[in-house]
Each structure stands twice: as structure tokens, then as C-alpha cells.
Amino acid sequence: MRKKRAHKPYWEMTTRELAEATKEFDKPFVADTFAPLSPEMRERWERAKRKVGRST
């Protein structure tokens, strides 16, 4: 199940819009709904963690 992406950045949302966009995190034990990363997502995560090289 894909999460619905916000139509605008959080810092531009009204209080009501922000509450609606983040209401899933109000539930207790939200971490229990997480699943292991797929191989594709694991690769993306590993690439994101790499340190940026020095530019010359």
C-alpha cells in the first residue's frame, strides 16, 4: 500500500492540513506496521547513506 503524497510541502500547510497529513503517526505502536526493506529499497537506502565525494 502506497502512502498518499502531500500536495504541498509541510511548511506551507495550514494547521488542519498538517494534522490530516500526519494523523497516521498519532496511533500507538506505529512502528509495528513497518516491514523490512525490499532489495530495491535497500539499494536506494545504501546509496543515500554513502558519503558525498570531494569535488575537485
PDB file of N, CA and C in Angstrom:
ATOM      1  N   MET A   1       0.839  -1.180   0.000  1.00  0.00           N
ATOM      2  CA  MET A   1       0.000   0.000   0.000  1.00  0.00           C
ATOM      3  C   MET A   1       0.882   1.241   0.000  1.00  0.00           C
ATOM      4  N   ARG A   2       0.710   2.072  -0.961  1.00  0.00           N
ATOM      5  CA  ARG A   2       1.492   3.296  -1.061  1.00  0.00           C
ATOM      6  C   ARG A   2       0.847   4.400  -0.246  1.00  0.00           C
ATOM      7  N   LYS A   3       1.696   5.209   0.350  1.00  0.00           N
ATOM      8  CA  LYS A   3       1.199   6.351   1.100  1.00  0.00           C
ATOM      9  C   LYS A   3       0.839   7.464   0.127  1.00  0.00           C
ATOM     10  N   LYS A   4      -0.184   8.186   0.443  1.00  0.00           N
ATOM     11  CA  LYS A   4      -0.603   9.310  -0.373  1.00  0.00           C
ATOM     12  C   LYS A   4       0.362  10.464  -0.127  1.00  0.00           C
ATOM     13  N   ARG A   5       0.928  10.996  -1.168  1.00  0.00           N
ATOM     14  CA  ARG A   5       1.891  12.078  -1.033  1.00  0.00           C
ATOM     15  C   ARG A   5       1.170  13.415  -0.861  1.00  0.00           C
ATOM     16  N   ALA A   6       1.704  14.235   0.001  1.00  0.00           N
ATOM     17  CA  ALA A   6       1.122  15.548   0.241  1.00  0.00           C
ATOM     18  C   ALA A   6       1.219  16.378  -1.038  1.00  0.00           C
ATOM     19  N   HIS A   7       0.237  17.200  -1.274  1.00  0.00           N
ATOM     20  CA  HIS A   7       0.225  18.017  -2.479  1.00  0.00           C
ATOM     21  C   HIS A   7       1.144  19.222  -2.369  1.00  0.00           C
ATOM     22  N   LYS A   8       1.454  19.604  -1.167  1.00  0.00           N
ATOM     23  CA  LYS A   8       2.376  20.722  -0.997  1.00  0.00           C
ATOM     24  C   LYS A   8       3.263  20.460   0.211  1.00  0.00           C
ATOM     25  N   PRO A   9       4.384  21.159   0.306  1.00  0.00           N
ATOM     26  CA  PRO A   9       5.317  20.915   1.423  1.00  0.00           C
ATOM     27  C   PRO A   9       4.652  21.184   2.771  1.00  0.00           C
ATOM     28  N   TYR A  10       5.130  20.458   3.780  1.00  0.00           N
ATOM     29  CA  TYR A  10       4.548  20.602   5.119  1.00  0.00           C
ATOM     30  C   TYR A  10       4.620  22.027   5.635  1.00  0.00           C
ATOM     31  N   TRP A  11       5.698  22.733   5.325  1.00  0.00           N
ATOM     32  CA  TRP A  11       5.846  24.087   5.861  1.00  0.00           C
ATOM     33  C   TRP A  11       4.890  25.083   5.207  1.00  0.00           C
ATOM     34  N   GLU A  12       4.210  24.694   4.137  1.00  0.00           N
ATOM     35  CA  GLU A  12       3.216  25.570   3.507  1.00  0.00           C
ATOM     36  C   GLU A  12       1.788  25.172   3.862  1.00  0.00           C
ATOM     37  N   MET A  13       1.603  24.109   4.652  1.00  0.00           N
ATOM     38  CA  MET A  13       0.274  23.631   5.008  1.00  0.00           C
ATOM     39  C   MET A  13      -0.315  24.418   6.170  1.00  0.00           C
ATOM     40  N   THR A  14      -1.637  24.458   6.181  1.00  0.00           N
ATOM     41  CA  THR A  14      -2.324  25.039   7.321  1.00  0.00           C
ATOM     42  C   THR A  14      -2.296  24.013   8.452  1.00  0.00           C
ATOM     43  N   THR A  15      -2.690  24.419   9.630  1.00  0.00           N
ATOM     44  CA  THR A  15      -2.706  23.510  10.776  1.00  0.00           C
ATOM     45  C   THR A  15      -3.620  22.321  10.511  1.00  0.00           C
ATOM     46  N   ARG A  16      -4.758  22.559   9.917  1.00  0.00           N
ATOM     47  CA  ARG A  16      -5.713  21.480   9.628  1.00  0.00           C
ATOM     48  C   ARG A  16      -5.132  20.505   8.595  1.00  0.00           C
ATOM     49  N   GLU A  17      -4.508  21.024   7.534  1.00  0.00           N
ATOM     50  CA  GLU A  17      -3.905  20.169   6.515  1.00  0.00           C
ATOM     51  C   GLU A  17      -2.763  19.335   7.100  1.00  0.00           C
ATOM     52  N   LEU A  18      -1.966  19.958   7.943  1.00  0.00           N
ATOM     53  CA  LEU A  18      -0.840  19.253   8.560  1.00  0.00           C
ATOM     54  C   LEU A  18      -1.337  18.140   9.486  1.00  0.00           C
ATOM     55  N   ALA A  19      -2.377  18.407  10.235  1.00  0.00           N
ATOM     56  CA  ALA A  19      -2.949  17.387  11.118  1.00  0.00           C
ATOM     57  C   ALA A  19      -3.470  16.204  10.302  1.00  0.00           C
ATOM     58  N   GLU A  20      -4.104  16.472   9.183  1.00  0.00           N
ATOM     59  CA  GLU A  20      -4.623  15.411   8.317  1.00  0.00           C
ATOM     60  C   GLU A  20      -3.478  14.597   7.703  1.00  0.00           C
ATOM     61  N   ALA A  21      -2.426  15.270   7.281  1.00  0.00           N
ATOM     62  CA  ALA A  21      -1.300  14.594   6.634  1.00  0.00           C
ATOM     63  C   ALA A  21      -0.502  13.728   7.605  1.00  0.00           C
ATOM     64  N   THR A  22      -0.517  14.062   8.884  1.00  0.00           N
ATOM     65  CA  THR A  22       0.307  13.338   9.855  1.00  0.00           C
ATOM     66  C   THR A  22      -0.515  12.517  10.858  1.00  0.00           C
ATOM     67  N   LYS A  23      -1.805  12.351  10.619  1.00  0.00           N
ATOM     68  CA  LYS A  23      -2.655  11.659  11.601  1.00  0.00           C
ATOM     69  C   LYS A  23      -2.278  10.197  11.790  1.00  0.00           C
ATOM     70  N   GLU A  24      -1.638   9.561  10.796  1.00  0.00           N
ATOM     71  CA  GLU A  24      -1.252   8.160  10.965  1.00  0.00           C
ATOM     72  C   GLU A  24      -0.237   7.973  12.079  1.00  0.00           C
ATOM     73  N   PHE A  25       0.530   9.018  12.406  1.00  0.00           N
ATOM     74  CA  PHE A  25       1.550   8.913  13.436  1.00  0.00           C
ATOM     75  C   PHE A  25       0.993   9.133  14.842  1.00  0.00           C
ATOM     76  N   ASP A  26      -0.295   9.427  14.962  1.00  0.00           N
ATOM     77  CA  ASP A  26      -0.930   9.579  16.263  1.00  0.00           C
ATOM     78  C   ASP A  26      -1.296   8.224  16.872  1.00  0.00           C
ATOM     79  N   LYS A  27      -1.298   7.169  16.057  1.00  0.00           N
ATOM     80  CA  LYS A  27      -1.659   5.836  16.538  1.00  0.00           C
ATOM     81  C   LYS A  27      -0.523   5.272  17.393  1.00  0.00           C
ATOM     82  N   PRO A  28      -0.850   4.532  18.448  1.00  0.00           N
ATOM     83  CA  PRO A  28       0.208   3.901  19.241  1.00  0.00           C
ATOM     84  C   PRO A  28       0.840   2.750  18.459  1.00  0.00           C
ATOM     85  N   PHE A  29       2.103   2.511  18.702  1.00  0.00           N
ATOM     86  CA  PHE A  29       2.847   1.412  18.096  1.00  0.00           C
ATOM     87  C   PHE A  29       2.863   1.465  16.573  1.00  0.00           C
ATOM     88  N   VAL A  30       2.994   2.645  16.010  1.00  0.00           N
ATOM     89  CA  VAL A  30       3.029   2.787  14.553  1.00  0.00           C
ATOM     90  C   VAL A  30       4.233   2.050  13.969  1.00  0.00           C
ATOM     91  N   ALA A  31       5.295   1.885  14.738  1.00  0.00           N
ATOM     92  CA  ALA A  31       6.477   1.185  14.245  1.00  0.00           C
ATOM     93  C   ALA A  31       6.186  -0.291  13.970  1.00  0.00           C
ATOM     94  N   ASP A  32       5.163  -0.852  14.594  1.00  0.00           N
ATOM     95  CA  ASP A  32       4.808  -2.249  14.358  1.00  0.00           C
ATOM     96  C   ASP A  32       4.282  -2.477  12.943  1.00  0.00           C
ATOM     97  N   THR A  33       3.894  -1.423  12.253  1.00  0.00           N
ATOM     98  CA  THR A  33       3.358  -1.569  10.901  1.00  0.00           C
ATOM     99  C   THR A  33       4.460  -1.532   9.846  1.00  0.00           C
ATOM    100  N   PHE A  34       5.694  -1.271  10.232  1.00  0.00           N
ATOM    101  CA  PHE A  34       6.790  -1.212   9.274  1.00  0.00           C
ATOM    102  C   PHE A  34       7.191  -2.618   8.855  1.00  0.00           C
ATOM    103  N   ALA A  35       7.741  -2.738   7.660  1.00  0.00           N
ATOM    104  CA  ALA A  35       8.181  -4.026   7.139  1.00  0.00           C
ATOM    105  C   ALA A  35       9.646  -3.915   6.707  1.00  0.00           C
ATOM    106  N   PRO A  36      10.324  -5.032   6.545  1.00  0.00           N
ATOM    107  CA  PRO A  36      11.709  -4.968   6.062  1.00  0.00           C
ATOM    108  C   PRO A  36      11.770  -4.338   4.672  1.00  0.00           C
ATOM    109  N   LEU A  37      12.902  -3.743   4.358  1.00  0.00           N
ATOM    110  CA  LEU A  37      13.071  -3.117   3.055  1.00  0.00           C
ATOM    111  C   LEU A  37      13.170  -4.166   1.959  1.00  0.00           C
ATOM    112  N   SER A  38      12.599  -3.852   0.813  1.00  0.00           N
ATOM    113  CA  SER A  38      12.750  -4.725  -0.350  1.00  0.00           C
ATOM    114  C   SER A  38      14.178  -4.558  -0.865  1.00  0.00           C
ATOM    115  N   PRO A  39      14.666  -5.473  -1.690  1.00  0.00           N
ATOM    116  CA  PRO A  39      16.030  -5.321  -2.224  1.00  0.00           C
ATOM    117  C   PRO A  39      16.230  -3.982  -2.949  1.00  0.00           C
ATOM    118  N   GLU A  40      15.217  -3.550  -3.680  1.00  0.00           N
ATOM    119  CA  GLU A  40      15.312  -2.262  -4.384  1.00  0.00           C
ATOM    120  C   GLU A  40      15.421  -1.104  -3.393  1.00  0.00           C
ATOM    121  N   MET A  41      14.576  -1.118  -2.360  1.00  0.00           N
ATOM    122  CA  MET A  41      14.615  -0.060  -1.360  1.00  0.00           C
ATOM    123  C   MET A  41      15.907  -0.117  -0.553  1.00  0.00           C
ATOM    124  N   ARG A  42      16.421  -1.316  -0.281  1.00  0.00           N
ATOM    125  CA  ARG A  42      17.685  -1.468   0.440  1.00  0.00           C
ATOM    126  C   ARG A  42      18.817  -0.813  -0.356  1.00  0.00           C
ATOM    127  N   GLU A  43      18.842  -1.017  -1.677  1.00  0.00           N
ATOM    128  CA  GLU A  43      19.870  -0.414  -2.525  1.00  0.00           C
ATOM    129  C   GLU A  43      19.766   1.110  -2.498  1.00  0.00           C
ATOM    130  N   ARG A  44      18.550   1.630  -2.574  1.00  0.00           N
ATOM    131  CA  ARG A  44      18.362   3.084  -2.509  1.00  0.00           C
ATOM    132  C   ARG A  44      18.846   3.631  -1.168  1.00  0.00           C
ATOM    133  N   TRP A  45      18.556   2.902  -0.092  1.00  0.00           N
ATOM    134  CA  TRP A  45      18.981   3.317   1.242  1.00  0.00           C
ATOM    135  C   TRP A  45      20.504   3.337   1.336  1.00  0.00           C
ATOM    136  N   GLU A  46      21.152   2.291   0.839  1.00  0.00           N
ATOM    137  CA  GLU A  46      22.609   2.213   0.886  1.00  0.00           C
ATOM    138  C   GLU A  46      23.247   3.345   0.078  1.00  0.00           C
ATOM    139  N   ARG A  47      22.686   3.649  -1.087  1.00  0.00           N
ATOM    140  CA  ARG A  47      23.218   4.769  -1.886  1.00  0.00           C
ATOM    141  C   ARG A  47      23.042   6.094  -1.157  1.00  0.00           C
ATOM    142  N   ALA A  48      21.921   6.267  -0.482  1.00  0.00           N
ATOM    143  CA  ALA A  48      21.668   7.524   0.227  1.00  0.00           C
ATOM    144  C   ALA A  48      22.598   7.692   1.427  1.00  0.00           C
ATOM    145  N   LYS A  49      23.007   6.586   2.042  1.00  0.00           N
ATOM    146  CA  LYS A  49      23.876   6.661   3.212  1.00  0.00           C
ATOM    147  C   LYS A  49      25.327   6.974   2.868  1.00  0.00           C
ATOM    148  N   ARG A  50      25.734   6.680   1.625  1.00  0.00           N
ATOM    149  CA  ARG A  50      27.128   6.901   1.248  1.00  0.00           C
ATOM    150  C   ARG A  50      27.499   8.371   1.402  1.00  0.00           C
ATOM    151  N   LYS A  51      28.711   8.584   1.801  1.00  0.00           N
ATOM    152  CA  LYS A  51      29.181   9.964   1.929  1.00  0.00           C
ATOM    153  C   LYS A  51      29.430  10.546   0.551  1.00  0.00           C
ATOM    154  N   VAL A  52      29.171  11.824   0.431  1.00  0.00           N
ATOM    155  CA  VAL A  52      29.377  12.504  -0.836  1.00  0.00           C
ATOM    156  C   VAL A  52      30.885  12.682  -1.037  1.00  0.00           C
ATOM    157  N   GLY A  53      31.356  12.390  -2.232  1.00  0.00           N
ATOM    158  CA  GLY A  53      32.773  12.525  -2.538  1.00  0.00           C
ATOM    159  C   GLY A  53      33.188  13.985  -2.644  1.00  0.00           C
ATOM    160  N   ARG A  54      34.463  14.184  -2.589  1.00  0.00           N
ATOM    161  CA  ARG A  54      35.008  15.524  -2.711  1.00  0.00           C
ATOM    162  C   ARG A  54      35.012  15.972  -4.163  1.00  0.00           C
ATOM    163  N   SER A  55      34.588  17.154  -4.435  1.00  0.00           N
ATOM    164  CA  SER A  55      34.671  17.665  -5.788  1.00  0.00           C
ATOM    165  C   SER A  55      36.036  18.333  -5.977  1.00  0.00           C
ATOM    166  N   THR A  56      36.592  18.213  -7.149  1.00  0.00           N
ATOM    167  CA  THR A  56      37.924  18.790  -7.400  1.00  0.00           C
ATOM    168  C   THR A  56      37.860  19.951  -8.336  1.00  0.00           C
TER     169      THR A  56
END
